[in-house]
Amino acid sequence: MKKIIIMLMVVATVFGTFMLNTEQIIATGKYKEEQKEDDLEKKIEKAIEKFLIEKRVKYTKDLTPEEAKALAKIVQAIKNSENSAKAIVLLPIEGGGGGWAYYGAIFVTGDSSTGGFPHGHAGVGGYDKNYVIESDLKTGVKKHKDRVANYWSKHNASILYVKNATTAQFKKAAKYADDQVGKPYGLNNSTSSFYCSQLPHEAWRYAGITMYNTSGLGWLVLPIDLYNSSKTVVVAKYKNGY
């Protein structure tokens, strides 16, 4: 009996040590991944700061459309150099409604301006196949069918995935956007109404991931902020992208 008790104590000690080491390995791996993400974000922030200084402007909102696109290319090159595409968790092919791979994905383009202000446009891939959910001044938050063929593919546009996000988070972002359909367009920091890029920003914040902005407009998040975020990566583009 004494031998059995001793053996059990030894097994328990070994198992406990194994579990502790496993937890430490997981924690270390998670720390390294978070550190890598922080380093990438700092590189992007420095590149944006340098570009703004060179152009003698304070914020990205002050860039011309051509300058904004040039900055977007610089940021994308930094992401590619970090092999960020390897960090993507690809969506399952059977996902949102029969092979639609872009539910929860972020759609962005710089080809949109109002009164000379190059704000761009953005949307969120709906869970239902071929639907993109967007908010604009005329319709408010609306679900657009065949929107890729009818709108996004006709512009310099990019489709973004959020790095390291789970399938559940993509679904959560798509569901959040879908639940906002019918709400009015509004330039504010409230979720009672939405402007275009606020919708994907809030959808992903709801899914657990927040993206920073460099617009210089306080709480206002522009499409270029979503594109330049260290947390997004381009998975498809039309024409010249963004």
C-alpha atoms as a PDB file:
ATOM      1  CA  MET A   1       0.000   0.000   0.000  1.00  0.00           C
ATOM      2  CA  LYS A   2       2.857   2.297   0.914  1.00  0.00           C
ATOM      3  CA  LYS A   3       4.551   1.613  -2.462  1.00  0.00           C
ATOM      4  CA  ILE A   4       1.334   2.401  -4.351  1.00  0.00           C
ATOM      5  CA  ILE A   5       0.947   5.713  -2.517  1.00  0.00           C
ATOM      6  CA  ILE A   6       4.577   6.637  -3.266  1.00  0.00           C
ATOM      7  CA  MET A   7       4.130   5.722  -6.950  1.00  0.00           C
ATOM      8  CA  LEU A   8       0.996   7.848  -7.147  1.00  0.00           C
ATOM      9  CA  MET A   9       2.832  10.774  -5.570  1.00  0.00           C
ATOM     10  CA  VAL A  10       5.684  10.415  -8.095  1.00  0.00           C
ATOM     11  CA  VAL A  11       3.239  10.250 -11.031  1.00  0.00           C
ATOM     12  CA  ALA A  12       1.363  13.289  -9.720  1.00  0.00           C
ATOM     13  CA  THR A  13       4.625  15.225  -9.360  1.00  0.00           C
ATOM     14  CA  VAL A  14       5.816  14.312 -12.870  1.00  0.00           C
ATOM     15  CA  PHE A  15       2.397  15.119 -14.392  1.00  0.00           C
ATOM     16  CA  GLY A  16       2.252  18.418 -12.512  1.00  0.00           C
ATOM     17  CA  THR A  17       5.735  19.351 -13.724  1.00  0.00           C
ATOM     18  CA  PHE A  18       4.755  18.430 -17.302  1.00  0.00           C
ATOM     19  CA  MET A  19       1.615  20.562 -17.134  1.00  0.00           C
ATOM     20  CA  LEU A  20       3.546  23.482 -15.647  1.00  0.00           C
ATOM     21  CA  ASN A  21       6.177  23.271 -18.409  1.00  0.00           C
ATOM     22  CA  THR A  22       3.447  23.029 -21.063  1.00  0.00           C
ATOM     23  CA  GLU A  23       1.712  26.117 -19.667  1.00  0.00           C
ATOM     24  CA  GLN A  24       5.024  27.970 -19.616  1.00  0.00           C
ATOM     25  CA  ILE A  25       5.709  27.025 -23.276  1.00  0.00           C
ATOM     26  CA  ILE A  26       2.231  28.185 -24.318  1.00  0.00           C
ATOM     27  CA  ALA A  27       2.598  31.423 -22.335  1.00  0.00           C
ATOM     28  CA  THR A  28       6.053  32.055 -23.826  1.00  0.00           C
ATOM     29  CA  GLY A  29       4.760  31.429 -27.347  1.00  0.00           C
ATOM     30  CA  LYS A  30       1.828  33.765 -26.778  1.00  0.00           C
ATOM     31  CA  TYR A  31       4.165  36.443 -25.378  1.00  0.00           C
ATOM     32  CA  LYS A  32       6.475  36.174 -28.412  1.00  0.00           C
ATOM     33  CA  GLU A  33       3.515  36.456 -30.787  1.00  0.00           C
ATOM     34  CA  GLU A  34       2.210  39.529 -28.944  1.00  0.00           C
ATOM     35  CA  GLN A  35       5.722  41.025 -28.933  1.00  0.00           C
ATOM     36  CA  LYS A  36       6.007  40.428 -32.688  1.00  0.00           C
ATOM     37  CA  GLU A  37       2.648  42.128 -33.212  1.00  0.00           C
ATOM     38  CA  ASP A  38       3.783  45.118 -31.116  1.00  0.00           C
ATOM     39  CA  ASP A  39       7.030  45.376 -33.113  1.00  0.00           C
ATOM     40  CA  LEU A  40       5.130  45.328 -36.404  1.00  0.00           C
ATOM     41  CA  GLU A  41       2.747  48.021 -35.182  1.00  0.00           C
ATOM     42  CA  LYS A  42       5.687  50.205 -34.117  1.00  0.00           C
ATOM     43  CA  LYS A  43       7.338  49.794 -37.544  1.00  0.00           C
ATOM     44  CA  ILE A  44       4.117  50.831 -39.245  1.00  0.00           C
ATOM     45  CA  GLU A  45       3.642  53.793 -36.915  1.00  0.00           C
ATOM     46  CA  LYS A  46       7.214  54.993 -37.603  1.00  0.00           C
ATOM     47  CA  ALA A  47       6.751  54.609 -41.353  1.00  0.00           C
ATOM     48  CA  ILE A  48       3.518  56.607 -41.239  1.00  0.00           C
ATOM     49  CA  GLU A  49       5.139  59.292 -39.066  1.00  0.00           C
ATOM     50  CA  LYS A  50       8.117  59.560 -41.450  1.00  0.00           C
ATOM     51  CA  PHE A  51       5.839  59.782 -44.492  1.00  0.00           C
ATOM     52  CA  LEU A  52       3.710  62.522 -42.917  1.00  0.00           C
ATOM     53  CA  ILE A  53       6.837  64.522 -42.040  1.00  0.00           C
ATOM     54  CA  GLU A  54       8.101  64.171 -45.615  1.00  0.00           C
ATOM     55  CA  LYS A  55       4.770  65.410 -46.952  1.00  0.00           C
ATOM     56  CA  ARG A  56       4.714  68.187 -44.333  1.00  0.00           C
ATOM     57  CA  VAL A  57       1.301  67.276 -42.971  1.00  0.00           C
ATOM     58  CA  LYS A  58       0.269  66.254 -39.472  1.00  0.00           C
ATOM     59  CA  TYR A  59      -2.394  63.627 -40.121  1.00  0.00           C
ATOM     60  CA  THR A  60      -3.379  61.131 -42.814  1.00  0.00           C
ATOM     61  CA  LYS A  61      -6.587  63.095 -43.385  1.00  0.00           C
ATOM     62  CA  ASP A  62      -4.409  65.869 -44.853  1.00  0.00           C
ATOM     63  CA  LEU A  63      -2.894  63.649 -47.563  1.00  0.00           C
ATOM     64  CA  THR A  64      -4.012  63.838 -51.164  1.00  0.00           C
ATOM     65  CA  PRO A  65      -5.627  60.670 -52.610  1.00  0.00           C
ATOM     66  CA  GLU A  66      -2.373  59.885 -54.458  1.00  0.00           C
ATOM     67  CA  GLU A  67      -0.290  60.349 -51.300  1.00  0.00           C
ATOM     68  CA  ALA A  68      -2.690  58.179 -49.282  1.00  0.00           C
ATOM     69  CA  LYS A  69      -2.322  55.372 -51.831  1.00  0.00           C
ATOM     70  CA  ALA A  70       1.477  55.758 -51.792  1.00  0.00           C
ATOM     71  CA  LEU A  71       1.468  55.458 -47.989  1.00  0.00           C
ATOM     72  CA  ALA A  72      -0.774  52.385 -48.193  1.00  0.00           C
ATOM     73  CA  LYS A  73       1.784  50.698 -50.482  1.00  0.00           C
ATOM     74  CA  ILE A  74       4.590  51.430 -48.012  1.00  0.00           C
ATOM     75  CA  VAL A  75       2.608  49.927 -45.125  1.00  0.00           C
ATOM     76  CA  GLN A  76       1.697  46.867 -47.180  1.00  0.00           C
ATOM     77  CA  ALA A  77       5.371  46.317 -48.036  1.00  0.00           C
ATOM     78  CA  ILE A  78       6.212  46.337 -44.311  1.00  0.00           C
ATOM     79  CA  LYS A  79       3.488  43.770 -43.605  1.00  0.00           C
ATOM     80  CA  ASN A  80       4.719  41.553 -46.436  1.00  0.00           C
ATOM     81  CA  SER A  81       8.309  41.762 -45.213  1.00  0.00           C
ATOM     82  CA  GLU A  82       7.143  40.446 -41.856  1.00  0.00           C
ATOM     83  CA  ASN A  83       5.493  37.449 -43.551  1.00  0.00           C
ATOM     84  CA  SER A  84       2.250  38.517 -41.929  1.00  0.00           C
ATOM     85  CA  ALA A  85       0.232  36.441 -44.394  1.00  0.00           C
ATOM     86  CA  LYS A  86       1.428  33.314 -42.587  1.00  0.00           C
ATOM     87  CA  ALA A  87      -0.413  34.457 -39.476  1.00  0.00           C
ATOM     88  CA  ILE A  88      -3.828  34.368 -41.157  1.00  0.00           C
ATOM     89  CA  VAL A  89      -6.332  31.763 -40.091  1.00  0.00           C
ATOM     90  CA  LEU A  90      -8.068  31.101 -43.399  1.00  0.00           C
ATOM     91  CA  LEU A  91     -11.817  30.879 -43.409  1.00  0.00           C
ATOM     92  CA  PRO A  92     -13.314  27.429 -44.078  1.00  0.00           C
ATOM     93  CA  ILE A  93     -14.577  26.965 -47.631  1.00  0.00           C
ATOM     94  CA  GLU A  94     -17.961  25.777 -46.363  1.00  0.00           C
ATOM     95  CA  GLY A  95     -18.325  28.994 -44.330  1.00  0.00           C
ATOM     96  CA  GLY A  96     -21.054  31.606 -44.575  1.00  0.00           C
ATOM     97  CA  GLY A  97     -23.456  30.206 -47.095  1.00  0.00           C
ATOM     98  CA  GLY A  98     -21.978  27.855 -49.699  1.00  0.00           C
ATOM     99  CA  GLY A  99     -18.355  28.731 -50.330  1.00  0.00           C
ATOM    100  CA  TRP A 100     -18.441  32.469 -49.528  1.00  0.00           C
ATOM    101  CA  ALA A 101     -14.968  33.001 -48.085  1.00  0.00           C
ATOM    102  CA  TYR A 102     -15.322  36.669 -47.159  1.00  0.00           C
ATOM    103  CA  TYR A 103     -17.826  36.753 -44.301  1.00  0.00           C
ATOM    104  CA  GLY A 104     -16.454  39.127 -41.673  1.00  0.00           C
ATOM    105  CA  ALA A 105     -13.736  40.316 -44.077  1.00  0.00           C
ATOM    106  CA  ILE A 106     -13.139  44.052 -44.419  1.00  0.00           C
ATOM    107  CA  PHE A 107     -13.590  45.704 -47.816  1.00  0.00           C
ATOM    108  CA  VAL A 108     -11.760  49.005 -48.415  1.00  0.00           C
ATOM    109  CA  THR A 109     -11.168  51.426 -51.282  1.00  0.00           C
ATOM    110  CA  GLY A 110      -9.609  54.853 -51.545  1.00  0.00           C
ATOM    111  CA  ASP A 111     -11.697  55.682 -54.612  1.00  0.00           C
ATOM    112  CA  SER A 112     -14.294  57.755 -52.816  1.00  0.00           C
ATOM    113  CA  SER A 113     -14.313  61.400 -51.773  1.00  0.00           C
ATOM    114  CA  THR A 114     -16.730  64.130 -50.774  1.00  0.00           C
ATOM    115  CA  GLY A 115     -16.022  67.777 -51.525  1.00  0.00           C
ATOM    116  CA  GLY A 116     -12.412  66.947 -52.325  1.00  0.00           C
ATOM    117  CA  PHE A 117     -11.894  65.103 -49.010  1.00  0.00           C
ATOM    118  CA  PRO A 118     -10.485  61.615 -49.857  1.00  0.00           C
ATOM    119  CA  HIS A 119     -12.186  59.545 -47.178  1.00  0.00           C
ATOM    120  CA  GLY A 120     -12.511  56.284 -49.155  1.00  0.00           C
ATOM    121  CA  HIS A 121     -15.173  53.653 -48.466  1.00  0.00           C
ATOM    122  CA  ALA A 122     -15.408  50.435 -46.424  1.00  0.00           C
ATOM    123  CA  GLY A 123     -17.716  47.523 -45.712  1.00  0.00           C
ATOM    124  CA  VAL A 124     -17.976  44.120 -44.041  1.00  0.00           C
ATOM    125  CA  GLY A 125     -18.523  40.778 -45.753  1.00  0.00           C
ATOM    126  CA  GLY A 126     -21.928  39.453 -44.727  1.00  0.00           C
ATOM    127  CA  TYR A 127     -22.486  35.893 -43.559  1.00  0.00           C
ATOM    128  CA  ASP A 128     -24.781  35.199 -46.509  1.00  0.00           C
ATOM    129  CA  LYS A 129     -23.003  34.429 -49.776  1.00  0.00           C
ATOM    130  CA  ASN A 130     -22.053  37.395 -51.989  1.00  0.00           C
ATOM    131  CA  TYR A 131     -23.424  40.035 -49.604  1.00  0.00           C
ATOM    132  CA  VAL A 132     -21.406  43.003 -48.353  1.00  0.00           C
ATOM    133  CA  ILE A 133     -22.817  45.206 -45.596  1.00  0.00           C
ATOM    134  CA  GLU A 134     -22.058  48.920 -45.934  1.00  0.00           C
ATOM    135  CA  SER A 135     -23.212  52.254 -44.617  1.00  0.00           C
ATOM    136  CA  ASP A 136     -23.493  55.305 -46.851  1.00  0.00           C
ATOM    137  CA  LEU A 137     -25.170  58.685 -46.701  1.00  0.00           C
ATOM    138  CA  LYS A 138     -28.097  57.748 -48.956  1.00  0.00           C
ATOM    139  CA  THR A 139     -29.089  54.312 -47.660  1.00  0.00           C
ATOM    140  CA  GLY A 140     -27.661  54.040 -44.141  1.00  0.00           C
ATOM    141  CA  VAL A 141     -26.580  50.502 -43.223  1.00  0.00           C
ATOM    142  CA  LYS A 142     -27.611  48.208 -46.045  1.00  0.00           C
ATOM    143  CA  LYS A 143     -26.965  44.644 -47.140  1.00  0.00           C
ATOM    144  CA  HIS A 144     -25.855  44.630 -50.804  1.00  0.00           C
ATOM    145  CA  LYS A 145     -26.185  41.465 -52.890  1.00  0.00           C
ATOM    146  CA  ASP A 146     -23.509  40.660 -55.527  1.00  0.00           C
ATOM    147  CA  ARG A 147     -21.674  43.743 -54.320  1.00  0.00           C
ATOM    148  CA  VAL A 148     -18.237  42.452 -55.287  1.00  0.00           C
ATOM    149  CA  ALA A 149     -19.239  42.114 -58.927  1.00  0.00           C
ATOM    150  CA  ASN A 150     -21.304  45.286 -59.019  1.00  0.00           C
ATOM    151  CA  TYR A 151     -19.099  47.643 -57.010  1.00  0.00           C
ATOM    152  CA  TRP A 152     -15.848  46.497 -55.406  1.00  0.00           C
ATOM    153  CA  SER A 153     -14.345  44.826 -58.492  1.00  0.00           C
ATOM    154  CA  LYS A 154     -14.899  48.059 -60.452  1.00  0.00           C
ATOM    155  CA  HIS A 155     -12.687  50.098 -58.100  1.00  0.00           C
ATOM    156  CA  ASN A 156      -9.140  50.096 -56.779  1.00  0.00           C
ATOM    157  CA  ALA A 157     -10.115  48.033 -53.755  1.00  0.00           C
ATOM    158  CA  SER A 158      -8.743  45.470 -51.312  1.00  0.00           C
ATOM    159  CA  ILE A 159     -10.252  42.742 -49.163  1.00  0.00           C
ATOM    160  CA  LEU A 160      -8.663  42.372 -45.732  1.00  0.00           C
ATOM    161  CA  TYR A 161      -8.574  39.500 -43.273  1.00  0.00           C
ATOM    162  CA  VAL A 162      -7.829  40.117 -39.603  1.00  0.00           C
ATOM    163  CA  LYS A 163      -4.688  38.264 -38.572  1.00  0.00           C
ATOM    164  CA  ASN A 164      -4.889  35.496 -35.987  1.00  0.00           C
ATOM    165  CA  ALA A 165      -8.672  35.856 -35.759  1.00  0.00           C
ATOM    166  CA  THR A 166     -10.632  32.647 -35.337  1.00  0.00           C
ATOM    167  CA  THR A 167     -13.467  31.486 -37.558  1.00  0.00           C
ATOM    168  CA  ALA A 168     -15.787  32.278 -34.651  1.00  0.00           C
ATOM    169  CA  GLN A 169     -14.546  35.883 -34.608  1.00  0.00           C
ATOM    170  CA  PHE A 170     -15.111  36.275 -38.356  1.00  0.00           C
ATOM    171  CA  LYS A 171     -18.644  34.980 -37.879  1.00  0.00           C
ATOM    172  CA  LYS A 172     -19.170  37.303 -34.913  1.00  0.00           C
ATOM    173  CA  ALA A 173     -18.031  40.339 -36.931  1.00  0.00           C
ATOM    174  CA  ALA A 174     -20.318  39.384 -39.830  1.00  0.00           C
ATOM    175  CA  LYS A 175     -23.263  38.831 -37.494  1.00  0.00           C
ATOM    176  CA  TYR A 176     -22.698  42.187 -35.773  1.00  0.00           C
ATOM    177  CA  ALA A 177     -22.682  44.011 -39.118  1.00  0.00           C
ATOM    178  CA  ASP A 178     -25.808  42.159 -40.194  1.00  0.00           C
ATOM    179  CA  ASP A 179     -27.592  43.187 -36.997  1.00  0.00           C
ATOM    180  CA  GLN A 180     -26.980  46.876 -37.796  1.00  0.00           C
ATOM    181  CA  VAL A 181     -28.849  46.765 -41.131  1.00  0.00           C
ATOM    182  CA  GLY A 182     -31.535  49.449 -41.200  1.00  0.00           C
ATOM    183  CA  LYS A 183     -29.692  51.906 -38.960  1.00  0.00           C
ATOM    184  CA  PRO A 184     -29.044  55.390 -40.396  1.00  0.00           C
ATOM    185  CA  TYR A 185     -25.774  56.874 -41.588  1.00  0.00           C
ATOM    186  CA  GLY A 186     -24.113  59.131 -39.031  1.00  0.00           C
ATOM    187  CA  LEU A 187     -20.730  60.703 -38.340  1.00  0.00           C
ATOM    188  CA  ASN A 188     -20.527  60.169 -34.612  1.00  0.00           C
ATOM    189  CA  ASN A 189     -18.981  57.957 -31.972  1.00  0.00           C
ATOM    190  CA  SER A 190     -22.266  56.180 -31.263  1.00  0.00           C
ATOM    191  CA  THR A 191     -23.555  52.836 -32.512  1.00  0.00           C
ATOM    192  CA  SER A 192     -27.069  54.204 -33.017  1.00  0.00           C
ATOM    193  CA  SER A 193     -25.864  55.136 -36.519  1.00  0.00           C
ATOM    194  CA  PHE A 194     -22.764  54.346 -38.594  1.00  0.00           C
ATOM    195  CA  TYR A 195     -20.452  55.925 -41.128  1.00  0.00           C
ATOM    196  CA  CYS A 196     -18.804  53.543 -43.603  1.00  0.00           C
ATOM    197  CA  SER A 197     -15.519  52.570 -41.910  1.00  0.00           C
ATOM    198  CA  GLN A 198     -17.059  52.700 -38.442  1.00  0.00           C
ATOM    199  CA  LEU A 199     -19.110  49.607 -39.302  1.00  0.00           C
ATOM    200  CA  PRO A 200     -16.155  47.201 -39.833  1.00  0.00           C
ATOM    201  CA  HIS A 201     -14.260  48.870 -36.993  1.00  0.00           C
ATOM    202  CA  GLU A 202     -17.124  48.315 -34.542  1.00  0.00           C
ATOM    203  CA  ALA A 203     -17.868  44.834 -35.915  1.00  0.00           C
ATOM    204  CA  TRP A 204     -14.334  43.714 -35.174  1.00  0.00           C
ATOM    205  CA  ARG A 205     -14.212  45.487 -31.834  1.00  0.00           C
ATOM    206  CA  TYR A 206     -17.323  43.477 -30.974  1.00  0.00           C
ATOM    207  CA  ALA A 207     -15.447  40.356 -32.114  1.00  0.00           C
ATOM    208  CA  GLY A 208     -12.598  41.235 -29.729  1.00  0.00           C
ATOM    209  CA  ILE A 209     -10.076  43.072 -31.931  1.00  0.00           C
ATOM    210  CA  THR A 210      -9.597  46.862 -31.963  1.00  0.00           C
ATOM    211  CA  MET A 211      -7.663  48.741 -34.637  1.00  0.00           C
ATOM    212  CA  TYR A 212      -5.889  52.048 -34.095  1.00  0.00           C
ATOM    213  CA  ASN A 213      -6.315  55.084 -36.308  1.00  0.00           C
ATOM    214  CA  THR A 214      -4.000  57.790 -37.606  1.00  0.00           C
ATOM    215  CA  SER A 215      -6.624  60.048 -39.139  1.00  0.00           C
ATOM    216  CA  GLY A 216      -6.024  62.884 -36.693  1.00  0.00           C
ATOM    217  CA  LEU A 217      -9.785  63.153 -36.365  1.00  0.00           C
ATOM    218  CA  GLY A 218     -10.099  61.856 -32.809  1.00  0.00           C
ATOM    219  CA  TRP A 219     -12.473  58.906 -32.688  1.00  0.00           C
ATOM    220  CA  LEU A 220     -13.051  58.942 -36.461  1.00  0.00           C
ATOM    221  CA  VAL A 221     -11.599  55.847 -38.161  1.00  0.00           C
ATOM    222  CA  LEU A 222     -10.964  56.103 -41.908  1.00  0.00           C
ATOM    223  CA  PRO A 223     -10.743  53.202 -44.404  1.00  0.00           C
ATOM    224  CA  ILE A 224      -7.002  53.842 -44.714  1.00  0.00           C
ATOM    225  CA  ASP A 225      -6.666  53.175 -40.958  1.00  0.00           C
ATOM    226  CA  LEU A 226      -8.206  49.724 -41.428  1.00  0.00           C
ATOM    227  CA  TYR A 227      -5.893  49.071 -44.371  1.00  0.00           C
ATOM    228  CA  ASN A 228      -2.773  50.314 -42.566  1.00  0.00           C
ATOM    229  CA  SER A 229      -3.517  48.467 -39.330  1.00  0.00           C
ATOM    230  CA  SER A 230      -0.910  45.890 -38.302  1.00  0.00           C
ATOM    231  CA  LYS A 231      -3.838  43.609 -37.531  1.00  0.00           C
ATOM    232  CA  THR A 232      -5.074  43.321 -41.124  1.00  0.00           C
ATOM    233  CA  VAL A 233      -3.604  41.757 -44.238  1.00  0.00           C
ATOM    234  CA  VAL A 234      -4.687  41.915 -47.887  1.00  0.00           C
ATOM    235  CA  VAL A 235      -6.049  38.620 -49.225  1.00  0.00           C
ATOM    236  CA  ALA A 236      -7.558  39.918 -52.476  1.00  0.00           C
ATOM    237  CA  LYS A 237      -7.457  43.093 -54.494  1.00  0.00           C
ATOM    238  CA  TYR A 238      -9.112  44.623 -57.547  1.00  0.00           C
ATOM    239  CA  LYS A 239      -7.275  46.755 -60.099  1.00  0.00           C
ATOM    240  CA  ASN A 240      -4.391  48.385 -58.166  1.00  0.00           C
ATOM    241  CA  GLY A 241      -5.775  47.555 -54.715  1.00  0.00           C
ATOM    242  CA  TYR A 242      -6.992  49.905 -51.960  1.00  0.00           C
END
